[in-house]
Amino acid sequence: MSSFGAFPAELETERLRLRRWRPSDAGEYRGLWTERDPRALRRIDADGRPTVEEIRGWLADNPLAAEPGLGLLPIERRDNGEFIGYCGLIVGRASFDEPEIAYELAQRAHGHGYATEAARAVVEAAANTGRERLWATVRDWNAASFRVLEKLDFYRSDRVTADPERGDTIWMTRDLGQV
């Protein structure tokens, strides 16, 4: 049993609401896959998969929050309910005790500070669980993600995972003692 407090299933900021997934989010979530950089690992494949129906099934089973106490939360704008992406904590390449923060926004939502705002709420919630450190892994070509993480006081660790085909993965970290 974990000694950490519960990570909330919903968060609110001045402009955003992070909430539980709904099967109706499937189309918007799939849209994120279609916008991803060609170097990203998870994209829509040549056969058009995953389909909206496949993603709807995942969301009905809620695998995006499969780790107790962790999970990705959809981000919607509070003023109009528009789905713009997701943000949350995952084990990813890290661990349950020191999870990764992950976020992705639709291209139409870039440049408005939404990623920073959502991620700041997730960092604060993670600190409130009693965790001491978070990680983030970012491809070396993803300048926008580096900017978000730097605004949240993440810094480069000494860890780099080499990948000449897709770009090296830079490990960023953040101590939560000063949140």
N, C-alpha and C. Protein backbone atom coordinates (compact mmCIF):
# COMPACT_ATOMS: atom_id res chain seq x y z
N MET A 1 0.84 -1.19 0.00
CA MET A 1 0.00 0.00 0.00
C MET A 1 0.87 1.24 0.00
N SER A 2 0.53 2.20 -0.79
CA SER A 2 1.29 3.43 -0.93
C SER A 2 1.15 4.31 0.31
N SER A 3 2.23 5.00 0.62
CA SER A 3 2.18 5.94 1.73
C SER A 3 1.86 7.36 1.24
N PHE A 4 1.55 7.49 -0.02
CA PHE A 4 1.24 8.80 -0.59
C PHE A 4 -0.25 9.08 -0.50
N GLY A 5 -0.57 10.36 -0.39
CA GLY A 5 -1.97 10.77 -0.44
C GLY A 5 -2.52 10.57 -1.84
N ALA A 6 -3.82 10.65 -1.96
CA ALA A 6 -4.48 10.44 -3.24
C ALA A 6 -4.22 11.60 -4.19
N PHE A 7 -3.97 11.27 -5.44
CA PHE A 7 -3.88 12.28 -6.48
C PHE A 7 -5.31 12.57 -6.91
N PRO A 8 -5.71 13.85 -6.96
CA PRO A 8 -7.12 14.16 -7.25
C PRO A 8 -7.55 13.76 -8.66
N ALA A 9 -8.82 13.41 -8.77
CA ALA A 9 -9.41 13.05 -10.06
C ALA A 9 -9.86 14.29 -10.82
N GLU A 10 -9.88 15.44 -10.16
CA GLU A 10 -10.25 16.70 -10.80
C GLU A 10 -9.44 17.83 -10.19
N LEU A 11 -9.04 18.78 -11.04
CA LEU A 11 -8.33 19.98 -10.61
C LEU A 11 -8.91 21.16 -11.36
N GLU A 12 -8.89 22.33 -10.73
CA GLU A 12 -9.32 23.54 -11.43
C GLU A 12 -8.27 24.62 -11.26
N THR A 13 -8.10 25.39 -12.30
CA THR A 13 -7.23 26.56 -12.28
C THR A 13 -8.10 27.75 -12.68
N GLU A 14 -7.49 28.89 -12.83
CA GLU A 14 -8.25 30.08 -13.21
C GLU A 14 -9.02 29.87 -14.52
N ARG A 15 -8.36 29.23 -15.51
CA ARG A 15 -8.98 29.10 -16.84
C ARG A 15 -9.32 27.67 -17.23
N LEU A 16 -8.86 26.69 -16.46
CA LEU A 16 -8.93 25.30 -16.90
C LEU A 16 -9.58 24.39 -15.87
N ARG A 17 -10.12 23.30 -16.38
CA ARG A 17 -10.62 22.21 -15.54
C ARG A 17 -9.95 20.93 -16.03
N LEU A 18 -9.34 20.21 -15.12
CA LEU A 18 -8.79 18.89 -15.40
C LEU A 18 -9.74 17.91 -14.72
N ARG A 19 -10.23 16.93 -15.47
CA ARG A 19 -11.32 16.09 -14.98
C ARG A 19 -11.11 14.64 -15.42
N ARG A 20 -12.05 13.80 -15.05
CA ARG A 20 -12.01 12.39 -15.47
C ARG A 20 -12.31 12.28 -16.97
N TRP A 21 -11.81 11.20 -17.57
CA TRP A 21 -12.09 10.91 -18.97
C TRP A 21 -13.52 10.45 -19.16
N ARG A 22 -14.06 10.79 -20.32
CA ARG A 22 -15.39 10.31 -20.75
C ARG A 22 -15.22 9.65 -22.11
N PRO A 23 -16.00 8.62 -22.41
CA PRO A 23 -15.92 8.03 -23.74
C PRO A 23 -16.12 9.06 -24.85
N SER A 24 -16.87 10.12 -24.58
CA SER A 24 -17.10 11.16 -25.60
C SER A 24 -15.83 11.96 -25.92
N ASP A 25 -14.76 11.79 -25.14
CA ASP A 25 -13.49 12.46 -25.41
C ASP A 25 -12.68 11.77 -26.52
N ALA A 26 -13.14 10.60 -26.97
CA ALA A 26 -12.36 9.77 -27.89
C ALA A 26 -11.95 10.50 -29.17
N GLY A 27 -12.86 11.21 -29.79
CA GLY A 27 -12.53 11.90 -31.04
C GLY A 27 -11.47 12.97 -30.84
N GLU A 28 -11.61 13.75 -29.79
CA GLU A 28 -10.62 14.80 -29.51
C GLU A 28 -9.27 14.20 -29.14
N TYR A 29 -9.30 13.13 -28.35
CA TYR A 29 -8.05 12.48 -27.96
C TYR A 29 -7.34 11.91 -29.19
N ARG A 30 -8.10 11.29 -30.10
CA ARG A 30 -7.51 10.77 -31.33
C ARG A 30 -6.94 11.91 -32.16
N GLY A 31 -7.59 13.07 -32.12
CA GLY A 31 -7.08 14.23 -32.84
C GLY A 31 -5.68 14.62 -32.38
N LEU A 32 -5.38 14.45 -31.10
CA LEU A 32 -4.03 14.73 -30.62
C LEU A 32 -3.03 13.80 -31.30
N TRP A 33 -3.41 12.53 -31.48
CA TRP A 33 -2.53 11.56 -32.12
C TRP A 33 -2.20 11.97 -33.56
N THR A 34 -3.20 12.53 -34.25
CA THR A 34 -2.98 12.89 -35.66
C THR A 34 -2.08 14.11 -35.80
N GLU A 35 -2.00 14.95 -34.76
CA GLU A 35 -1.20 16.17 -34.82
C GLU A 35 0.26 15.96 -34.38
N ARG A 36 0.57 14.82 -33.85
CA ARG A 36 1.89 14.59 -33.27
C ARG A 36 2.99 14.67 -34.32
N ASP A 37 4.12 15.15 -33.86
CA ASP A 37 5.32 15.22 -34.69
C ASP A 37 5.62 13.82 -35.24
N PRO A 38 6.06 13.72 -36.48
CA PRO A 38 6.35 12.41 -37.07
C PRO A 38 7.40 11.61 -36.29
N ARG A 39 8.21 12.29 -35.49
CA ARG A 39 9.22 11.58 -34.69
C ARG A 39 8.64 10.99 -33.41
N ALA A 40 7.41 11.31 -33.07
CA ALA A 40 6.79 10.79 -31.85
C ALA A 40 6.50 9.30 -32.00
N LEU A 41 6.53 8.58 -30.91
CA LEU A 41 6.32 7.14 -30.94
C LEU A 41 4.88 6.76 -31.24
N ARG A 42 3.94 7.43 -30.63
CA ARG A 42 2.54 7.05 -30.79
C ARG A 42 1.84 8.02 -31.73
N ARG A 43 1.56 7.51 -32.91
CA ARG A 43 0.83 8.27 -33.92
C ARG A 43 -0.20 7.35 -34.53
N ILE A 44 -1.08 7.91 -35.30
CA ILE A 44 -2.04 7.09 -36.05
C ILE A 44 -1.24 6.29 -37.07
N ASP A 45 -1.43 4.99 -37.11
CA ASP A 45 -0.63 4.16 -38.02
C ASP A 45 -1.20 4.19 -39.43
N ALA A 46 -0.53 3.50 -40.33
CA ALA A 46 -0.91 3.52 -41.74
C ALA A 46 -2.31 2.95 -41.97
N ASP A 47 -2.78 2.10 -41.05
CA ASP A 47 -4.12 1.53 -41.16
C ASP A 47 -5.18 2.38 -40.46
N GLY A 48 -4.78 3.57 -39.98
CA GLY A 48 -5.73 4.46 -39.33
C GLY A 48 -6.06 4.10 -37.90
N ARG A 49 -5.14 3.39 -37.26
CA ARG A 49 -5.38 2.95 -35.89
C ARG A 49 -4.50 3.73 -34.95
N PRO A 50 -4.95 3.97 -33.75
CA PRO A 50 -6.23 3.54 -33.23
C PRO A 50 -7.38 4.36 -33.80
N THR A 51 -8.50 3.72 -33.91
CA THR A 51 -9.71 4.39 -34.39
C THR A 51 -10.39 5.09 -33.22
N VAL A 52 -11.35 5.93 -33.53
CA VAL A 52 -12.12 6.59 -32.47
C VAL A 52 -12.81 5.54 -31.61
N GLU A 53 -13.34 4.49 -32.23
CA GLU A 53 -14.02 3.43 -31.46
C GLU A 53 -13.06 2.71 -30.53
N GLU A 54 -11.85 2.43 -31.01
CA GLU A 54 -10.86 1.78 -30.14
C GLU A 54 -10.53 2.67 -28.95
N ILE A 55 -10.33 3.94 -29.22
CA ILE A 55 -10.02 4.87 -28.13
C ILE A 55 -11.21 4.99 -27.19
N ARG A 56 -12.42 5.02 -27.72
CA ARG A 56 -13.62 5.08 -26.86
C ARG A 56 -13.63 3.88 -25.91
N GLY A 57 -13.25 2.71 -26.40
CA GLY A 57 -13.16 1.52 -25.55
C GLY A 57 -12.12 1.67 -24.46
N TRP A 58 -10.96 2.25 -24.81
CA TRP A 58 -9.93 2.49 -23.79
C TRP A 58 -10.46 3.42 -22.71
N LEU A 59 -11.14 4.48 -23.14
CA LEU A 59 -11.63 5.46 -22.18
C LEU A 59 -12.74 4.88 -21.31
N ALA A 60 -13.55 4.00 -21.87
CA ALA A 60 -14.59 3.35 -21.07
C ALA A 60 -13.96 2.50 -19.98
N ASP A 61 -12.84 1.86 -20.31
CA ASP A 61 -12.11 1.05 -19.32
C ASP A 61 -11.18 1.91 -18.47
N ASN A 62 -11.00 3.16 -18.88
CA ASN A 62 -10.17 4.16 -18.21
C ASN A 62 -8.72 3.73 -18.00
N PRO A 63 -8.04 3.24 -19.03
CA PRO A 63 -6.64 2.85 -18.84
C PRO A 63 -5.71 4.05 -18.66
N LEU A 64 -6.18 5.23 -18.99
CA LEU A 64 -5.33 6.41 -18.83
C LEU A 64 -5.21 6.81 -17.37
N ALA A 65 -5.96 6.16 -16.50
CA ALA A 65 -5.83 6.37 -15.06
C ALA A 65 -5.67 5.01 -14.38
N ALA A 66 -4.96 4.09 -15.06
CA ALA A 66 -4.88 2.72 -14.58
C ALA A 66 -4.05 2.57 -13.31
N GLU A 67 -3.06 3.40 -13.11
CA GLU A 67 -2.25 3.32 -11.91
C GLU A 67 -3.00 3.99 -10.76
N PRO A 68 -3.29 3.28 -9.68
CA PRO A 68 -3.96 3.95 -8.56
C PRO A 68 -3.12 5.13 -8.08
N GLY A 69 -3.76 6.26 -7.94
CA GLY A 69 -3.06 7.44 -7.45
C GLY A 69 -2.34 8.24 -8.51
N LEU A 70 -2.42 7.80 -9.77
CA LEU A 70 -1.80 8.52 -10.88
C LEU A 70 -2.84 8.64 -11.98
N GLY A 71 -2.42 9.17 -13.11
CA GLY A 71 -3.31 9.19 -14.26
C GLY A 71 -3.26 10.51 -15.00
N LEU A 72 -3.68 10.45 -16.25
CA LEU A 72 -3.78 11.62 -17.10
C LEU A 72 -5.21 12.15 -17.02
N LEU A 73 -5.33 13.45 -16.93
CA LEU A 73 -6.64 14.08 -16.85
C LEU A 73 -6.86 14.95 -18.08
N PRO A 74 -8.02 14.84 -18.72
CA PRO A 74 -8.31 15.73 -19.84
C PRO A 74 -8.36 17.18 -19.34
N ILE A 75 -7.92 18.08 -20.20
CA ILE A 75 -7.96 19.51 -19.90
C ILE A 75 -9.07 20.12 -20.74
N GLU A 76 -9.95 20.86 -20.08
CA GLU A 76 -10.94 21.62 -20.82
C GLU A 76 -10.93 23.06 -20.33
N ARG A 77 -11.25 23.95 -21.24
CA ARG A 77 -11.37 25.37 -20.87
C ARG A 77 -12.63 25.55 -20.04
N ARG A 78 -12.52 26.29 -18.96
CA ARG A 78 -13.67 26.51 -18.09
C ARG A 78 -14.72 27.42 -18.74
N ASP A 79 -14.29 28.33 -19.61
CA ASP A 79 -15.25 29.27 -20.18
C ASP A 79 -16.18 28.65 -21.21
N ASN A 80 -15.72 27.59 -21.89
CA ASN A 80 -16.58 27.02 -22.93
C ASN A 80 -16.60 25.48 -22.96
N GLY A 81 -15.87 24.82 -22.05
CA GLY A 81 -15.86 23.36 -21.99
C GLY A 81 -15.07 22.68 -23.10
N GLU A 82 -14.34 23.45 -23.90
CA GLU A 82 -13.58 22.87 -25.02
C GLU A 82 -12.45 21.98 -24.52
N PHE A 83 -12.39 20.74 -25.02
CA PHE A 83 -11.29 19.81 -24.75
C PHE A 83 -10.06 20.34 -25.47
N ILE A 84 -8.95 20.53 -24.76
CA ILE A 84 -7.74 21.04 -25.41
C ILE A 84 -6.52 20.15 -25.20
N GLY A 85 -6.65 19.07 -24.43
CA GLY A 85 -5.49 18.19 -24.23
C GLY A 85 -5.61 17.42 -22.94
N TYR A 86 -4.45 17.02 -22.41
CA TYR A 86 -4.43 16.29 -21.14
C TYR A 86 -3.16 16.62 -20.38
N CYS A 87 -3.17 16.35 -19.09
CA CYS A 87 -2.00 16.54 -18.24
C CYS A 87 -2.18 15.64 -17.03
N GLY A 88 -1.09 15.12 -16.51
CA GLY A 88 -1.18 14.30 -15.31
C GLY A 88 0.13 13.63 -14.98
N LEU A 89 0.03 12.64 -14.13
CA LEU A 89 1.19 11.88 -13.68
C LEU A 89 1.09 10.45 -14.16
N ILE A 90 2.21 9.91 -14.64
CA ILE A 90 2.28 8.54 -15.11
C ILE A 90 3.56 7.91 -14.57
N VAL A 91 3.61 6.59 -14.55
CA VAL A 91 4.87 5.92 -14.24
C VAL A 91 5.83 6.13 -15.40
N GLY A 92 5.37 5.92 -16.64
CA GLY A 92 6.21 6.15 -17.81
C GLY A 92 7.57 5.50 -17.68
N ARG A 93 8.61 6.30 -17.79
CA ARG A 93 9.99 5.81 -17.66
C ARG A 93 10.49 5.96 -16.23
N ALA A 94 9.66 6.48 -15.34
CA ALA A 94 10.07 6.76 -13.97
C ALA A 94 9.49 5.69 -13.03
N SER A 95 8.91 6.10 -11.89
CA SER A 95 8.38 5.15 -10.92
C SER A 95 7.13 5.73 -10.26
N PHE A 96 6.41 4.88 -9.54
CA PHE A 96 5.23 5.34 -8.83
C PHE A 96 5.61 6.39 -7.78
N ASP A 97 6.72 6.16 -7.09
CA ASP A 97 7.14 7.09 -6.05
C ASP A 97 7.62 8.43 -6.61
N GLU A 98 8.25 8.39 -7.77
CA GLU A 98 8.75 9.59 -8.44
C GLU A 98 8.26 9.55 -9.89
N PRO A 99 6.97 9.85 -10.09
CA PRO A 99 6.37 9.69 -11.42
C PRO A 99 6.80 10.78 -12.40
N GLU A 100 6.40 10.56 -13.64
CA GLU A 100 6.60 11.54 -14.71
C GLU A 100 5.37 12.42 -14.84
N ILE A 101 5.59 13.69 -15.09
CA ILE A 101 4.50 14.56 -15.50
C ILE A 101 4.42 14.46 -17.02
N ALA A 102 3.22 14.38 -17.53
CA ALA A 102 3.02 14.27 -18.97
C ALA A 102 1.90 15.22 -19.36
N TYR A 103 2.05 15.83 -20.53
CA TYR A 103 1.00 16.72 -21.02
C TYR A 103 1.09 16.78 -22.53
N GLU A 104 -0.05 17.07 -23.14
CA GLU A 104 -0.12 17.24 -24.59
C GLU A 104 -1.34 18.11 -24.86
N LEU A 105 -1.15 19.12 -25.68
CA LEU A 105 -2.25 20.02 -26.03
C LEU A 105 -2.47 20.02 -27.53
N ALA A 106 -3.71 20.20 -27.91
CA ALA A 106 -4.05 20.36 -29.32
C ALA A 106 -3.33 21.60 -29.86
N GLN A 107 -2.94 21.55 -31.11
CA GLN A 107 -2.20 22.67 -31.70
C GLN A 107 -2.95 23.99 -31.59
N ARG A 108 -4.28 23.94 -31.67
CA ARG A 108 -5.06 25.17 -31.57
C ARG A 108 -4.93 25.83 -30.20
N ALA A 109 -4.48 25.07 -29.19
CA ALA A 109 -4.35 25.59 -27.83
C ALA A 109 -2.92 26.01 -27.48
N HIS A 110 -2.00 25.84 -28.43
CA HIS A 110 -0.61 26.22 -28.17
C HIS A 110 -0.48 27.74 -28.06
N GLY A 111 0.48 28.17 -27.26
CA GLY A 111 0.82 29.58 -27.19
C GLY A 111 -0.05 30.43 -26.29
N HIS A 112 -0.90 29.80 -25.46
CA HIS A 112 -1.79 30.54 -24.58
C HIS A 112 -1.47 30.33 -23.10
N GLY A 113 -0.41 29.57 -22.80
CA GLY A 113 -0.04 29.30 -21.41
C GLY A 113 -0.84 28.19 -20.76
N TYR A 114 -1.67 27.49 -21.53
CA TYR A 114 -2.50 26.44 -20.94
C TYR A 114 -1.66 25.26 -20.41
N ALA A 115 -0.63 24.85 -21.13
CA ALA A 115 0.19 23.73 -20.67
C ALA A 115 0.85 24.07 -19.34
N THR A 116 1.39 25.27 -19.24
CA THR A 116 2.02 25.69 -17.99
C THR A 116 1.01 25.74 -16.86
N GLU A 117 -0.15 26.28 -17.12
CA GLU A 117 -1.19 26.41 -16.09
C GLU A 117 -1.66 25.03 -15.61
N ALA A 118 -1.91 24.13 -16.53
CA ALA A 118 -2.36 22.78 -16.15
C ALA A 118 -1.25 22.03 -15.42
N ALA A 119 -0.03 22.11 -15.95
CA ALA A 119 1.08 21.39 -15.34
C ALA A 119 1.40 21.94 -13.94
N ARG A 120 1.26 23.23 -13.75
CA ARG A 120 1.48 23.82 -12.42
C ARG A 120 0.49 23.22 -11.41
N ALA A 121 -0.76 23.06 -11.81
CA ALA A 121 -1.76 22.46 -10.92
C ALA A 121 -1.40 21.01 -10.61
N VAL A 122 -0.90 20.28 -11.59
CA VAL A 122 -0.51 18.89 -11.38
C VAL A 122 0.71 18.81 -10.46
N VAL A 123 1.68 19.69 -10.64
CA VAL A 123 2.86 19.70 -9.76
C VAL A 123 2.41 19.96 -8.31
N GLU A 124 1.55 20.93 -8.10
CA GLU A 124 1.07 21.23 -6.75
C GLU A 124 0.31 20.05 -6.15
N ALA A 125 -0.54 19.41 -6.96
CA ALA A 125 -1.27 18.23 -6.49
C ALA A 125 -0.32 17.09 -6.14
N ALA A 126 0.73 16.91 -6.95
CA ALA A 126 1.71 15.86 -6.68
C ALA A 126 2.43 16.14 -5.35
N ALA A 127 2.78 17.39 -5.12
CA ALA A 127 3.43 17.75 -3.86
C ALA A 127 2.51 17.45 -2.68
N ASN A 128 1.21 17.70 -2.85
CA ASN A 128 0.25 17.45 -1.79
C ASN A 128 0.06 15.97 -1.48
N THR A 129 0.49 15.08 -2.38
CA THR A 129 0.41 13.64 -2.11
C THR A 129 1.56 13.19 -1.21
N GLY A 130 2.56 14.05 -1.03
CA GLY A 130 3.73 13.68 -0.23
C GLY A 130 4.92 13.23 -1.05
N ARG A 131 4.79 13.24 -2.36
CA ARG A 131 5.92 12.87 -3.21
C ARG A 131 7.02 13.93 -3.10
N GLU A 132 8.25 13.50 -3.32
CA GLU A 132 9.39 14.40 -3.16
C GLU A 132 10.00 14.85 -4.48
N ARG A 133 9.71 14.12 -5.56
CA ARG A 133 10.34 14.45 -6.85
C ARG A 133 9.44 14.03 -8.00
N LEU A 134 9.49 14.82 -9.07
CA LEU A 134 8.84 14.46 -10.33
C LEU A 134 9.89 14.43 -11.41
N TRP A 135 9.59 13.69 -12.46
CA TRP A 135 10.42 13.61 -13.65
C TRP A 135 9.60 14.05 -14.86
N ALA A 136 10.29 14.40 -15.91
CA ALA A 136 9.68 14.63 -17.21
C ALA A 136 10.71 14.18 -18.24
N THR A 137 10.25 13.51 -19.28
CA THR A 137 11.16 13.14 -20.36
C THR A 137 10.71 13.86 -21.62
N VAL A 138 11.66 14.50 -22.27
CA VAL A 138 11.37 15.36 -23.41
C VAL A 138 12.36 15.07 -24.52
N ARG A 139 11.86 14.92 -25.73
CA ARG A 139 12.77 14.77 -26.89
C ARG A 139 13.55 16.07 -27.07
N ASP A 140 14.78 15.94 -27.48
CA ASP A 140 15.66 17.11 -27.58
C ASP A 140 15.17 18.17 -28.56
N TRP A 141 14.25 17.84 -29.45
CA TRP A 141 13.73 18.79 -30.43
C TRP A 141 12.48 19.52 -29.95
N ASN A 142 11.96 19.19 -28.75
CA ASN A 142 10.68 19.73 -28.30
C ASN A 142 10.89 21.00 -27.45
N ALA A 143 11.22 22.09 -28.11
CA ALA A 143 11.52 23.35 -27.42
C ALA A 143 10.35 23.85 -26.58
N ALA A 144 9.13 23.68 -27.06
CA ALA A 144 7.96 24.17 -26.32
C ALA A 144 7.83 23.46 -24.97
N SER A 145 8.04 22.15 -24.93
CA SER A 145 7.96 21.43 -23.66
C SER A 145 9.07 21.85 -22.71
N PHE A 146 10.26 22.10 -23.24
CA PHE A 146 11.34 22.59 -22.38
C PHE A 146 10.96 23.93 -21.75
N ARG A 147 10.33 24.81 -22.51
CA ARG A 147 9.91 26.11 -21.96
C ARG A 147 8.90 25.93 -20.84
N VAL A 148 7.92 25.05 -21.04
CA VAL A 148 6.92 24.80 -20.00
C VAL A 148 7.60 24.29 -18.74
N LEU A 149 8.45 23.29 -18.88
CA LEU A 149 9.10 22.69 -17.71
C LEU A 149 10.01 23.67 -16.98
N GLU A 150 10.71 24.50 -17.73
CA GLU A 150 11.58 25.49 -17.09
C GLU A 150 10.76 26.49 -16.28
N LYS A 151 9.57 26.87 -16.76
CA LYS A 151 8.69 27.77 -16.01
C LYS A 151 8.23 27.13 -14.70
N LEU A 152 8.23 25.81 -14.65
CA LEU A 152 7.79 25.08 -13.47
C LEU A 152 8.96 24.62 -12.59
N ASP A 153 10.15 25.18 -12.87
CA ASP A 153 11.35 24.90 -12.08
C ASP A 153 11.88 23.47 -12.23
N PHE A 154 11.58 22.83 -13.35
CA PHE A 154 12.26 21.58 -13.68
C PHE A 154 13.65 21.93 -14.21
N TYR A 155 14.58 21.05 -14.00
CA TYR A 155 15.93 21.27 -14.51
C TYR A 155 16.45 19.97 -15.12
N ARG A 156 17.43 20.11 -15.99
CA ARG A 156 18.00 18.95 -16.66
C ARG A 156 18.79 18.11 -15.67
N SER A 157 18.54 16.83 -15.69
CA SER A 157 19.34 15.90 -14.89
C SER A 157 20.51 15.46 -15.77
N ASP A 158 21.28 14.55 -15.27
CA ASP A 158 22.41 14.02 -16.06
C ASP A 158 21.98 12.88 -16.96
N ARG A 159 20.70 12.54 -16.96
CA ARG A 159 20.22 11.39 -17.73
C ARG A 159 19.77 11.81 -19.13
N VAL A 160 20.26 11.07 -20.10
CA VAL A 160 19.86 11.24 -21.49
C VAL A 160 19.73 9.84 -22.08
N THR A 161 18.63 9.59 -22.76
CA THR A 161 18.44 8.33 -23.45
C THR A 161 18.62 8.61 -24.94
N ALA A 162 19.68 8.03 -25.50
CA ALA A 162 20.03 8.30 -26.89
C ALA A 162 19.06 7.61 -27.85
N ASP A 163 18.67 8.34 -28.88
CA ASP A 163 17.83 7.80 -29.94
C ASP A 163 18.09 8.63 -31.20
N PRO A 164 19.06 8.19 -32.03
CA PRO A 164 19.41 8.99 -33.21
C PRO A 164 18.28 9.11 -34.23
N GLU A 165 17.31 8.19 -34.20
CA GLU A 165 16.22 8.23 -35.17
C GLU A 165 15.13 9.23 -34.78
N ARG A 166 14.72 9.23 -33.51
CA ARG A 166 13.60 10.07 -33.07
C ARG A 166 14.03 11.29 -32.25
N GLY A 167 15.30 11.34 -31.90
CA GLY A 167 15.80 12.42 -31.06
C GLY A 167 16.04 11.91 -29.65
N ASP A 168 17.13 12.35 -29.06
CA ASP A 168 17.47 11.93 -27.70
C ASP A 168 16.39 12.38 -26.72
N THR A 169 16.20 11.58 -25.69
CA THR A 169 15.27 11.93 -24.62
C THR A 169 16.05 12.53 -23.47
N ILE A 170 15.70 13.75 -23.12
CA ILE A 170 16.34 14.47 -22.02
C ILE A 170 15.47 14.28 -20.78
N TRP A 171 16.08 13.90 -19.68
CA TRP A 171 15.37 13.71 -18.42
C TRP A 171 15.46 15.01 -17.62
N MET A 172 14.28 15.57 -17.34
CA MET A 172 14.16 16.76 -16.50
C MET A 172 13.61 16.32 -15.15
N THR A 173 13.93 17.05 -14.11
CA THR A 173 13.43 16.68 -12.78
C THR A 173 13.06 17.93 -11.98
N ARG A 174 12.30 17.70 -10.94
CA ARG A 174 11.85 18.79 -10.07
C ARG A 174 11.70 18.24 -8.66
N ASP A 175 12.40 18.85 -7.71
CA ASP A 175 12.21 18.53 -6.31
C ASP A 175 10.94 19.23 -5.85
N LEU A 176 10.11 18.53 -5.10
CA LEU A 176 8.82 19.08 -4.70
C LEU A 176 8.85 19.74 -3.32
N GLY A 177 9.97 19.73 -2.66
CA GLY A 177 10.06 20.33 -1.34
C GLY A 177 9.78 21.83 -1.33
N GLN A 178 10.01 22.52 -2.46
CA GLN A 178 9.83 23.96 -2.50
C GLN A 178 8.55 24.40 -3.21
N VAL A 179 7.56 23.51 -3.32
CA VAL A 179 6.30 23.88 -3.97
C VAL A 179 5.47 24.72 -3.02
